[in-house]
Amino acid sequence: MKIGITGAHSTGKTTLLNALRGEASLAGYDYCVEVTRWVKRLGFSINENSSDEVQELVMIKHVYNMFMHDNSISDRTVLDGLVYSTWLNRNGKVSNKTLDMVNKVYDRMEKEYDIIFYIRPEFEVEDDGVRSIDKRFHQEIVDLFEEVIKRKQIPVVQLTGSVRERVEQVLKEVECQTK
């Protein structure tokens, strides 16, 4: 089973993924963590200062994660790549050619996920030295997630509440899907 967790930066995706690691019912899963941080460790700019090369690397890593793991949980999905690339394109930082490639990858990959969990912001952006703390950028990304999910009619399961409440929601949904 392929499980993705999606949403704007600083919504608790990685925190949730790490909390899921200890759950016995998910013991056979591989955990694919922080594609964006991987790109940053390679020396590239991320967030609102990203580029064509970064968005291409992000999508390549999503494809790799999808096909290299039989059962996996990822704290980012191809939807994240599409949303951020769309924002970057609208703001003149990513070319139409790259956005077209991202859309093609998205169109081919989105159905590979068995479940996509979506997390909306429920708390303030925290400065961790990696993610953007620009409130306008964050809100525009949140709005763009909502727009794309609605326009493409993406079947997401929205998670809310504390980390433990989100874990319980994930476990319940995974159990329903595997019956």
N, C-alpha and C. Protein backbone atom coordinates (compact mmCIF):
# COMPACT_ATOMS: atom_id res chain seq x y z
N MET A 1 0.84 -1.17 0.00
CA MET A 1 0.00 0.00 0.00
C MET A 1 0.89 1.24 0.00
N LYS A 2 0.48 2.23 -0.79
CA LYS A 2 1.20 3.51 -0.88
C LYS A 2 0.37 4.58 -0.20
N ILE A 3 0.94 5.19 0.82
CA ILE A 3 0.25 6.20 1.60
C ILE A 3 1.04 7.50 1.50
N GLY A 4 0.35 8.58 1.17
CA GLY A 4 0.98 9.89 1.12
C GLY A 4 0.35 10.83 2.11
N ILE A 5 1.16 11.70 2.67
CA ILE A 5 0.69 12.77 3.54
C ILE A 5 1.03 14.07 2.83
N THR A 6 0.05 14.92 2.63
CA THR A 6 0.25 16.11 1.83
C THR A 6 -0.27 17.35 2.56
N GLY A 7 0.20 18.50 2.13
CA GLY A 7 -0.22 19.78 2.69
C GLY A 7 0.92 20.77 2.65
N ALA A 8 0.60 21.99 2.95
CA ALA A 8 1.61 23.05 2.96
C ALA A 8 2.68 22.76 4.01
N HIS A 9 3.79 23.45 3.89
CA HIS A 9 4.86 23.32 4.87
C HIS A 9 4.36 23.74 6.25
N SER A 10 4.92 23.13 7.26
CA SER A 10 4.64 23.45 8.65
C SER A 10 3.21 23.10 9.07
N THR A 11 2.72 21.95 8.58
CA THR A 11 1.40 21.48 9.00
C THR A 11 1.49 20.21 9.84
N GLY A 12 2.68 19.66 10.01
CA GLY A 12 2.84 18.50 10.86
C GLY A 12 2.97 17.18 10.12
N LYS A 13 3.28 17.22 8.84
CA LYS A 13 3.39 15.99 8.05
C LYS A 13 4.53 15.09 8.54
N THR A 14 5.71 15.64 8.72
CA THR A 14 6.85 14.84 9.16
C THR A 14 6.67 14.39 10.61
N THR A 15 6.11 15.25 11.43
CA THR A 15 5.82 14.87 12.82
C THR A 15 4.87 13.67 12.84
N LEU A 16 3.84 13.70 12.01
CA LEU A 16 2.90 12.58 11.92
C LEU A 16 3.61 11.33 11.42
N LEU A 17 4.39 11.47 10.37
CA LEU A 17 5.10 10.32 9.81
C LEU A 17 5.99 9.67 10.88
N ASN A 18 6.69 10.48 11.63
CA ASN A 18 7.55 9.94 12.69
C ASN A 18 6.74 9.26 13.79
N ALA A 19 5.57 9.80 14.10
CA ALA A 19 4.71 9.18 15.11
C ALA A 19 4.15 7.84 14.62
N LEU A 20 3.96 7.70 13.33
CA LEU A 20 3.44 6.45 12.77
C LEU A 20 4.46 5.31 12.81
N ARG A 21 5.74 5.65 12.88
CA ARG A 21 6.80 4.63 12.88
C ARG A 21 6.65 3.59 13.99
N GLY A 22 6.10 3.98 15.11
CA GLY A 22 5.99 3.06 16.24
C GLY A 22 4.73 2.20 16.24
N GLU A 23 3.91 2.35 15.24
CA GLU A 23 2.64 1.62 15.22
C GLU A 23 2.83 0.21 14.65
N ALA A 24 2.45 -0.78 15.45
CA ALA A 24 2.64 -2.19 15.07
C ALA A 24 1.97 -2.53 13.75
N SER A 25 0.78 -1.98 13.50
CA SER A 25 0.05 -2.31 12.27
C SER A 25 0.73 -1.76 11.01
N LEU A 26 1.71 -0.87 11.18
CA LEU A 26 2.43 -0.30 10.04
C LEU A 26 3.89 -0.76 10.01
N ALA A 27 4.19 -1.83 10.71
CA ALA A 27 5.57 -2.30 10.84
C ALA A 27 6.24 -2.63 9.52
N GLY A 28 5.50 -3.05 8.53
CA GLY A 28 6.10 -3.44 7.26
C GLY A 28 6.27 -2.32 6.26
N TYR A 29 6.07 -1.10 6.70
CA TYR A 29 6.13 0.05 5.78
C TYR A 29 7.51 0.69 5.78
N ASP A 30 7.90 1.21 4.60
CA ASP A 30 9.07 2.07 4.49
C ASP A 30 8.59 3.51 4.65
N TYR A 31 9.41 4.32 5.29
CA TYR A 31 9.05 5.71 5.54
C TYR A 31 9.92 6.62 4.70
N CYS A 32 9.28 7.36 3.79
CA CYS A 32 9.98 8.26 2.87
C CYS A 32 9.83 9.68 3.41
N VAL A 33 10.93 10.23 3.89
CA VAL A 33 10.88 11.48 4.65
C VAL A 33 11.49 12.64 3.87
N GLU A 34 10.78 13.76 3.89
CA GLU A 34 11.27 15.08 3.52
C GLU A 34 12.09 15.17 2.24
N VAL A 35 11.39 15.00 1.13
CA VAL A 35 12.02 15.17 -0.18
C VAL A 35 12.66 16.55 -0.28
N THR A 36 11.98 17.58 0.21
CA THR A 36 12.48 18.94 0.08
C THR A 36 13.77 19.15 0.88
N ARG A 37 13.83 18.60 2.06
CA ARG A 37 15.06 18.74 2.85
C ARG A 37 16.23 18.02 2.18
N TRP A 38 15.95 16.91 1.51
CA TRP A 38 16.98 16.19 0.75
C TRP A 38 17.56 17.11 -0.32
N VAL A 39 16.69 17.81 -1.03
CA VAL A 39 17.15 18.73 -2.08
C VAL A 39 17.97 19.87 -1.46
N LYS A 40 17.52 20.38 -0.33
CA LYS A 40 18.28 21.46 0.34
C LYS A 40 19.66 20.96 0.76
N ARG A 41 19.75 19.72 1.25
CA ARG A 41 21.06 19.17 1.63
C ARG A 41 21.99 19.04 0.43
N LEU A 42 21.42 18.95 -0.77
CA LEU A 42 22.24 18.92 -1.99
C LEU A 42 22.77 20.30 -2.35
N GLY A 43 22.32 21.34 -1.62
CA GLY A 43 22.82 22.69 -1.84
C GLY A 43 21.91 23.60 -2.64
N PHE A 44 20.69 23.17 -2.90
CA PHE A 44 19.76 23.98 -3.68
C PHE A 44 18.87 24.83 -2.79
N SER A 45 18.40 25.95 -3.33
CA SER A 45 17.41 26.78 -2.64
C SER A 45 16.05 26.14 -2.77
N ILE A 46 15.26 26.23 -1.68
CA ILE A 46 13.92 25.66 -1.69
C ILE A 46 12.91 26.75 -1.33
N ASN A 47 11.67 26.33 -1.06
CA ASN A 47 10.59 27.24 -0.70
C ASN A 47 10.31 28.22 -1.83
N GLU A 48 10.11 29.49 -1.52
CA GLU A 48 9.75 30.46 -2.54
C GLU A 48 10.92 30.87 -3.42
N ASN A 49 12.11 30.37 -3.15
CA ASN A 49 13.29 30.67 -3.97
C ASN A 49 13.74 29.46 -4.79
N SER A 50 12.85 28.53 -5.01
CA SER A 50 13.16 27.32 -5.74
C SER A 50 13.36 27.62 -7.23
N SER A 51 13.68 26.58 -7.99
CA SER A 51 14.01 26.75 -9.42
C SER A 51 13.52 25.55 -10.22
N ASP A 52 13.71 25.64 -11.52
CA ASP A 52 13.36 24.51 -12.40
C ASP A 52 14.07 23.24 -11.96
N GLU A 53 15.37 23.33 -11.73
CA GLU A 53 16.15 22.15 -11.37
C GLU A 53 15.65 21.51 -10.08
N VAL A 54 15.30 22.33 -9.12
CA VAL A 54 14.82 21.82 -7.83
C VAL A 54 13.49 21.10 -8.02
N GLN A 55 12.57 21.70 -8.75
CA GLN A 55 11.26 21.08 -8.92
C GLN A 55 11.38 19.78 -9.72
N GLU A 56 12.29 19.73 -10.66
CA GLU A 56 12.52 18.48 -11.40
C GLU A 56 13.10 17.41 -10.47
N LEU A 57 14.06 17.78 -9.62
CA LEU A 57 14.62 16.83 -8.65
C LEU A 57 13.55 16.32 -7.69
N VAL A 58 12.70 17.21 -7.22
CA VAL A 58 11.64 16.82 -6.30
C VAL A 58 10.75 15.77 -6.95
N MET A 59 10.34 16.00 -8.19
CA MET A 59 9.45 15.05 -8.85
C MET A 59 10.16 13.72 -9.12
N ILE A 60 11.43 13.77 -9.48
CA ILE A 60 12.20 12.53 -9.68
C ILE A 60 12.25 11.73 -8.38
N LYS A 61 12.46 12.40 -7.26
CA LYS A 61 12.52 11.72 -5.97
C LYS A 61 11.16 11.10 -5.61
N HIS A 62 10.07 11.78 -5.93
CA HIS A 62 8.74 11.21 -5.69
C HIS A 62 8.54 9.94 -6.52
N VAL A 63 8.94 9.98 -7.77
CA VAL A 63 8.82 8.79 -8.63
C VAL A 63 9.67 7.66 -8.05
N TYR A 64 10.89 7.95 -7.67
CA TYR A 64 11.78 6.96 -7.07
C TYR A 64 11.13 6.34 -5.83
N ASN A 65 10.64 7.18 -4.92
CA ASN A 65 10.01 6.67 -3.71
C ASN A 65 8.82 5.77 -4.02
N MET A 66 8.04 6.15 -5.02
CA MET A 66 6.84 5.38 -5.36
C MET A 66 7.20 3.98 -5.85
N PHE A 67 8.22 3.87 -6.65
CA PHE A 67 8.51 2.58 -7.28
C PHE A 67 9.57 1.75 -6.57
N MET A 68 10.27 2.32 -5.63
CA MET A 68 11.31 1.57 -4.92
C MET A 68 10.81 0.95 -3.62
N HIS A 69 9.58 1.23 -3.24
CA HIS A 69 9.04 0.72 -1.98
C HIS A 69 7.68 0.09 -2.23
N ASP A 70 7.50 -1.15 -1.78
CA ASP A 70 6.21 -1.81 -1.97
C ASP A 70 5.14 -1.21 -1.08
N ASN A 71 5.43 -1.10 0.20
CA ASN A 71 4.54 -0.47 1.16
C ASN A 71 5.26 0.73 1.73
N SER A 72 4.70 1.92 1.53
CA SER A 72 5.41 3.10 1.97
C SER A 72 4.46 4.17 2.46
N ILE A 73 5.01 5.02 3.32
CA ILE A 73 4.33 6.22 3.79
C ILE A 73 5.28 7.38 3.55
N SER A 74 4.79 8.38 2.83
CA SER A 74 5.61 9.55 2.48
C SER A 74 5.01 10.81 3.09
N ASP A 75 5.89 11.69 3.56
CA ASP A 75 5.39 12.94 4.13
C ASP A 75 5.30 14.07 3.10
N ARG A 76 5.40 13.72 1.87
CA ARG A 76 5.14 14.60 0.73
C ARG A 76 4.65 13.71 -0.40
N THR A 77 3.93 14.29 -1.36
CA THR A 77 3.43 13.53 -2.51
C THR A 77 3.68 14.32 -3.79
N VAL A 78 3.33 13.71 -4.92
CA VAL A 78 3.43 14.44 -6.18
C VAL A 78 2.50 15.64 -6.19
N LEU A 79 1.44 15.60 -5.38
CA LEU A 79 0.56 16.76 -5.27
C LEU A 79 1.33 17.96 -4.70
N ASP A 80 2.18 17.71 -3.71
CA ASP A 80 3.01 18.79 -3.17
C ASP A 80 3.88 19.40 -4.27
N GLY A 81 4.51 18.53 -5.05
CA GLY A 81 5.34 19.00 -6.15
C GLY A 81 4.56 19.85 -7.14
N LEU A 82 3.34 19.42 -7.44
CA LEU A 82 2.49 20.17 -8.36
C LEU A 82 2.10 21.53 -7.78
N VAL A 83 1.69 21.56 -6.53
CA VAL A 83 1.26 22.81 -5.91
C VAL A 83 2.41 23.82 -5.84
N TYR A 84 3.54 23.39 -5.32
CA TYR A 84 4.67 24.33 -5.20
C TYR A 84 5.17 24.77 -6.57
N SER A 85 5.21 23.86 -7.53
CA SER A 85 5.66 24.23 -8.89
C SER A 85 4.69 25.22 -9.52
N THR A 86 3.41 25.04 -9.29
CA THR A 86 2.41 25.97 -9.82
C THR A 86 2.62 27.36 -9.22
N TRP A 87 2.81 27.42 -7.90
CA TRP A 87 3.05 28.71 -7.27
C TRP A 87 4.32 29.36 -7.85
N LEU A 88 5.37 28.56 -7.96
CA LEU A 88 6.64 29.09 -8.48
C LEU A 88 6.50 29.57 -9.91
N ASN A 89 5.72 28.86 -10.72
CA ASN A 89 5.49 29.27 -12.09
C ASN A 89 4.72 30.59 -12.13
N ARG A 90 3.68 30.69 -11.33
CA ARG A 90 2.87 31.91 -11.29
C ARG A 90 3.69 33.11 -10.82
N ASN A 91 4.76 32.85 -10.10
CA ASN A 91 5.61 33.93 -9.58
C ASN A 91 6.92 34.06 -10.35
N GLY A 92 6.99 33.48 -11.55
CA GLY A 92 8.12 33.66 -12.44
C GLY A 92 9.41 32.96 -12.05
N LYS A 93 9.32 31.94 -11.21
CA LYS A 93 10.54 31.26 -10.74
C LYS A 93 10.74 29.90 -11.39
N VAL A 94 9.69 29.36 -11.99
CA VAL A 94 9.76 28.06 -12.66
C VAL A 94 9.13 28.23 -14.04
N SER A 95 9.78 27.68 -15.04
CA SER A 95 9.34 27.83 -16.43
C SER A 95 8.08 27.02 -16.73
N ASN A 96 7.42 27.40 -17.82
CA ASN A 96 6.26 26.63 -18.28
C ASN A 96 6.67 25.21 -18.64
N LYS A 97 7.86 25.04 -19.19
CA LYS A 97 8.35 23.71 -19.56
C LYS A 97 8.43 22.81 -18.32
N THR A 98 8.98 23.33 -17.24
CA THR A 98 9.08 22.55 -16.00
C THR A 98 7.69 22.27 -15.44
N LEU A 99 6.82 23.27 -15.43
CA LEU A 99 5.47 23.05 -14.93
C LEU A 99 4.75 21.99 -15.77
N ASP A 100 4.95 21.99 -17.07
CA ASP A 100 4.35 20.95 -17.92
C ASP A 100 4.86 19.57 -17.53
N MET A 101 6.17 19.45 -17.28
CA MET A 101 6.75 18.17 -16.85
C MET A 101 6.16 17.74 -15.52
N VAL A 102 6.06 18.67 -14.59
CA VAL A 102 5.50 18.36 -13.27
C VAL A 102 4.06 17.87 -13.42
N ASN A 103 3.28 18.54 -14.25
CA ASN A 103 1.90 18.11 -14.49
C ASN A 103 1.83 16.71 -15.08
N LYS A 104 2.72 16.39 -16.00
CA LYS A 104 2.73 15.05 -16.60
C LYS A 104 3.08 13.99 -15.57
N VAL A 105 4.09 14.27 -14.74
CA VAL A 105 4.45 13.33 -13.68
C VAL A 105 3.28 13.17 -12.72
N TYR A 106 2.67 14.29 -12.34
CA TYR A 106 1.53 14.21 -11.43
C TYR A 106 0.42 13.34 -12.04
N ASP A 107 0.07 13.60 -13.29
CA ASP A 107 -1.02 12.87 -13.94
C ASP A 107 -0.75 11.36 -13.99
N ARG A 108 0.51 11.00 -14.16
CA ARG A 108 0.86 9.57 -14.22
C ARG A 108 0.97 8.92 -12.85
N MET A 109 1.30 9.72 -11.84
CA MET A 109 1.62 9.15 -10.53
C MET A 109 0.50 9.23 -9.50
N GLU A 110 -0.41 10.18 -9.61
CA GLU A 110 -1.35 10.42 -8.53
C GLU A 110 -2.22 9.22 -8.20
N LYS A 111 -2.52 8.41 -9.16
CA LYS A 111 -3.36 7.23 -8.90
C LYS A 111 -2.58 6.08 -8.27
N GLU A 112 -1.27 6.22 -8.14
CA GLU A 112 -0.45 5.20 -7.50
C GLU A 112 -0.63 5.19 -5.99
N TYR A 113 -1.11 6.29 -5.44
CA TYR A 113 -1.34 6.36 -3.99
C TYR A 113 -2.66 5.66 -3.66
N ASP A 114 -2.62 4.80 -2.67
CA ASP A 114 -3.84 4.16 -2.20
C ASP A 114 -4.63 5.10 -1.30
N ILE A 115 -3.93 5.90 -0.52
CA ILE A 115 -4.55 6.89 0.36
C ILE A 115 -3.67 8.13 0.37
N ILE A 116 -4.31 9.29 0.27
CA ILE A 116 -3.60 10.55 0.47
C ILE A 116 -4.27 11.26 1.65
N PHE A 117 -3.49 11.50 2.69
CA PHE A 117 -3.95 12.24 3.85
C PHE A 117 -3.56 13.70 3.67
N TYR A 118 -4.52 14.58 3.89
CA TYR A 118 -4.30 16.00 3.71
C TYR A 118 -4.39 16.71 5.07
N ILE A 119 -3.38 17.53 5.35
CA ILE A 119 -3.36 18.28 6.61
C ILE A 119 -3.38 19.78 6.30
N ARG A 120 -4.40 20.44 6.81
CA ARG A 120 -4.48 21.89 6.73
C ARG A 120 -3.74 22.48 7.94
N PRO A 121 -3.31 23.72 7.86
CA PRO A 121 -2.62 24.33 9.01
C PRO A 121 -3.56 24.48 10.20
N GLU A 122 -3.04 24.11 11.35
CA GLU A 122 -3.81 24.29 12.59
C GLU A 122 -3.01 25.08 13.63
N PHE A 123 -1.81 25.51 13.25
CA PHE A 123 -0.97 26.28 14.17
C PHE A 123 -0.02 27.14 13.35
N GLU A 124 0.67 28.03 14.00
CA GLU A 124 1.58 28.97 13.34
C GLU A 124 2.80 28.25 12.75
N VAL A 125 3.34 28.81 11.69
CA VAL A 125 4.57 28.30 11.10
C VAL A 125 5.70 28.47 12.09
N GLU A 126 6.48 27.43 12.26
CA GLU A 126 7.60 27.44 13.19
C GLU A 126 8.90 27.59 12.41
N ASP A 127 9.77 28.45 12.88
CA ASP A 127 11.05 28.67 12.22
C ASP A 127 12.03 27.58 12.63
N ASP A 128 12.29 26.67 11.69
CA ASP A 128 13.24 25.59 11.96
C ASP A 128 14.52 25.76 11.15
N GLY A 129 14.64 26.92 10.50
CA GLY A 129 15.83 27.19 9.70
C GLY A 129 15.77 26.59 8.31
N VAL A 130 14.71 25.87 7.98
CA VAL A 130 14.59 25.25 6.66
C VAL A 130 13.34 25.76 5.95
N ARG A 131 12.20 25.58 6.57
CA ARG A 131 10.95 25.97 5.91
C ARG A 131 10.77 27.49 5.97
N SER A 132 10.07 27.99 4.98
CA SER A 132 9.80 29.42 4.91
C SER A 132 8.85 29.84 6.04
N ILE A 133 9.12 31.01 6.61
CA ILE A 133 8.23 31.54 7.64
C ILE A 133 7.42 32.73 7.11
N ASP A 134 7.51 32.97 5.81
CA ASP A 134 6.76 34.05 5.18
C ASP A 134 5.27 33.69 5.21
N LYS A 135 4.48 34.46 5.95
CA LYS A 135 3.05 34.15 6.14
C LYS A 135 2.26 34.25 4.85
N ARG A 136 2.60 35.20 4.01
CA ARG A 136 1.89 35.34 2.73
C ARG A 136 2.14 34.14 1.84
N PHE A 137 3.40 33.73 1.73
CA PHE A 137 3.75 32.56 0.93
C PHE A 137 3.02 31.33 1.46
N HIS A 138 3.05 31.13 2.77
CA HIS A 138 2.39 29.99 3.38
C HIS A 138 0.90 29.96 3.06
N GLN A 139 0.23 31.11 3.22
CA GLN A 139 -1.22 31.16 2.95
C GLN A 139 -1.51 30.92 1.48
N GLU A 140 -0.68 31.46 0.59
CA GLU A 140 -0.90 31.23 -0.84
C GLU A 140 -0.73 29.75 -1.18
N ILE A 141 0.20 29.06 -0.54
CA ILE A 141 0.37 27.62 -0.76
C ILE A 141 -0.84 26.86 -0.23
N VAL A 142 -1.31 27.22 0.95
CA VAL A 142 -2.52 26.58 1.51
C VAL A 142 -3.69 26.76 0.55
N ASP A 143 -3.90 27.99 0.08
CA ASP A 143 -5.00 28.27 -0.85
C ASP A 143 -4.85 27.47 -2.15
N LEU A 144 -3.63 27.34 -2.62
CA LEU A 144 -3.38 26.60 -3.85
C LEU A 144 -3.64 25.10 -3.66
N PHE A 145 -3.29 24.56 -2.51
CA PHE A 145 -3.64 23.16 -2.22
C PHE A 145 -5.16 22.99 -2.33
N GLU A 146 -5.90 23.87 -1.69
CA GLU A 146 -7.36 23.79 -1.71
C GLU A 146 -7.89 23.88 -3.14
N GLU A 147 -7.34 24.81 -3.91
CA GLU A 147 -7.76 25.00 -5.30
C GLU A 147 -7.50 23.75 -6.14
N VAL A 148 -6.30 23.21 -6.05
CA VAL A 148 -5.94 22.04 -6.87
C VAL A 148 -6.73 20.80 -6.45
N ILE A 149 -6.89 20.59 -5.16
CA ILE A 149 -7.66 19.44 -4.68
C ILE A 149 -9.09 19.52 -5.21
N LYS A 150 -9.67 20.69 -5.14
CA LYS A 150 -11.05 20.87 -5.62
C LYS A 150 -11.14 20.72 -7.14
N ARG A 151 -10.26 21.40 -7.87
CA ARG A 151 -10.31 21.40 -9.34
C ARG A 151 -10.08 20.00 -9.90
N LYS A 152 -9.13 19.27 -9.34
CA LYS A 152 -8.80 17.94 -9.84
C LYS A 152 -9.62 16.84 -9.15
N GLN A 153 -10.46 17.24 -8.20
CA GLN A 153 -11.30 16.30 -7.45
C GLN A 153 -10.47 15.15 -6.87
N ILE A 154 -9.42 15.53 -6.16
CA ILE A 154 -8.50 14.56 -5.58
C ILE A 154 -9.13 13.99 -4.30
N PRO A 155 -9.24 12.67 -4.23
CA PRO A 155 -9.85 12.06 -3.04
C PRO A 155 -8.85 12.02 -1.88
N VAL A 156 -8.91 13.03 -1.03
CA VAL A 156 -8.02 13.09 0.13
C VAL A 156 -8.81 12.82 1.40
N VAL A 157 -8.11 12.32 2.40
CA VAL A 157 -8.68 12.15 3.73
C VAL A 157 -8.07 13.25 4.59
N GLN A 158 -8.90 14.18 5.04
CA GLN A 158 -8.38 15.30 5.82
C GLN A 158 -8.17 14.87 7.27
N LEU A 159 -7.01 15.21 7.80
CA LEU A 159 -6.67 14.91 9.19
C LEU A 159 -6.70 16.19 10.01
N THR A 160 -7.15 16.06 11.26
CA THR A 160 -7.17 17.20 12.16
C THR A 160 -6.82 16.73 13.56
N GLY A 161 -6.55 17.70 14.42
CA GLY A 161 -6.34 17.40 15.82
C GLY A 161 -4.89 17.24 16.20
N SER A 162 -4.69 16.69 17.38
CA SER A 162 -3.34 16.46 17.91
C SER A 162 -2.63 15.39 17.09
N VAL A 163 -1.35 15.24 17.33
CA VAL A 163 -0.59 14.20 16.63
C VAL A 163 -1.22 12.84 16.89
N ARG A 164 -1.56 12.54 18.13
CA ARG A 164 -2.16 11.24 18.47
C ARG A 164 -3.51 11.05 17.77
N GLU A 165 -4.31 12.12 17.73
CA GLU A 165 -5.60 12.03 17.03
C GLU A 165 -5.40 11.77 15.54
N ARG A 166 -4.39 12.41 14.96
CA ARG A 166 -4.09 12.18 13.54
C ARG A 166 -3.61 10.74 13.32
N VAL A 167 -2.77 10.24 14.21
CA VAL A 167 -2.31 8.84 14.12
C VAL A 167 -3.51 7.90 14.12
N GLU A 168 -4.43 8.12 15.04
CA GLU A 168 -5.62 7.26 15.14
C GLU A 168 -6.46 7.33 13.86
N GLN A 169 -6.59 8.51 13.28
CA GLN A 169 -7.33 8.66 12.03
C GLN A 169 -6.66 7.89 10.90
N VAL A 170 -5.33 7.97 10.84
CA VAL A 170 -4.59 7.24 9.81
C VAL A 170 -4.77 5.74 10.00
N LEU A 171 -4.60 5.24 11.22
CA LEU A 171 -4.72 3.81 11.47
C LEU A 171 -6.11 3.29 11.12
N LYS A 172 -7.12 4.05 11.45
CA LYS A 172 -8.49 3.66 11.13
C LYS A 172 -8.70 3.58 9.63
N GLU A 173 -8.22 4.58 8.89
CA GLU A 173 -8.39 4.60 7.43
C GLU A 173 -7.60 3.47 6.77
N VAL A 174 -6.38 3.23 7.23
CA VAL A 174 -5.58 2.16 6.65
C VAL A 174 -6.25 0.81 6.91
N GLU A 175 -6.77 0.64 8.10
CA GLU A 175 -7.47 -0.61 8.42
C GLU A 175 -8.69 -0.80 7.51
N CYS A 176 -9.44 0.25 7.28
CA CYS A 176 -10.61 0.17 6.39
C CYS A 176 -10.20 -0.18 4.96
N GLN A 177 -9.10 0.39 4.50
CA GLN A 177 -8.64 0.15 3.14
C GLN A 177 -8.07 -1.25 2.94
N THR A 178 -7.55 -1.85 4.00
CA THR A 178 -6.92 -3.17 3.86
C THR A 178 -7.87 -4.32 4.13
N LYS A 179 -9.11 -4.02 4.49
CA LYS A 179 -10.10 -5.09 4.71
C LYS A 179 -10.73 -5.53 3.43
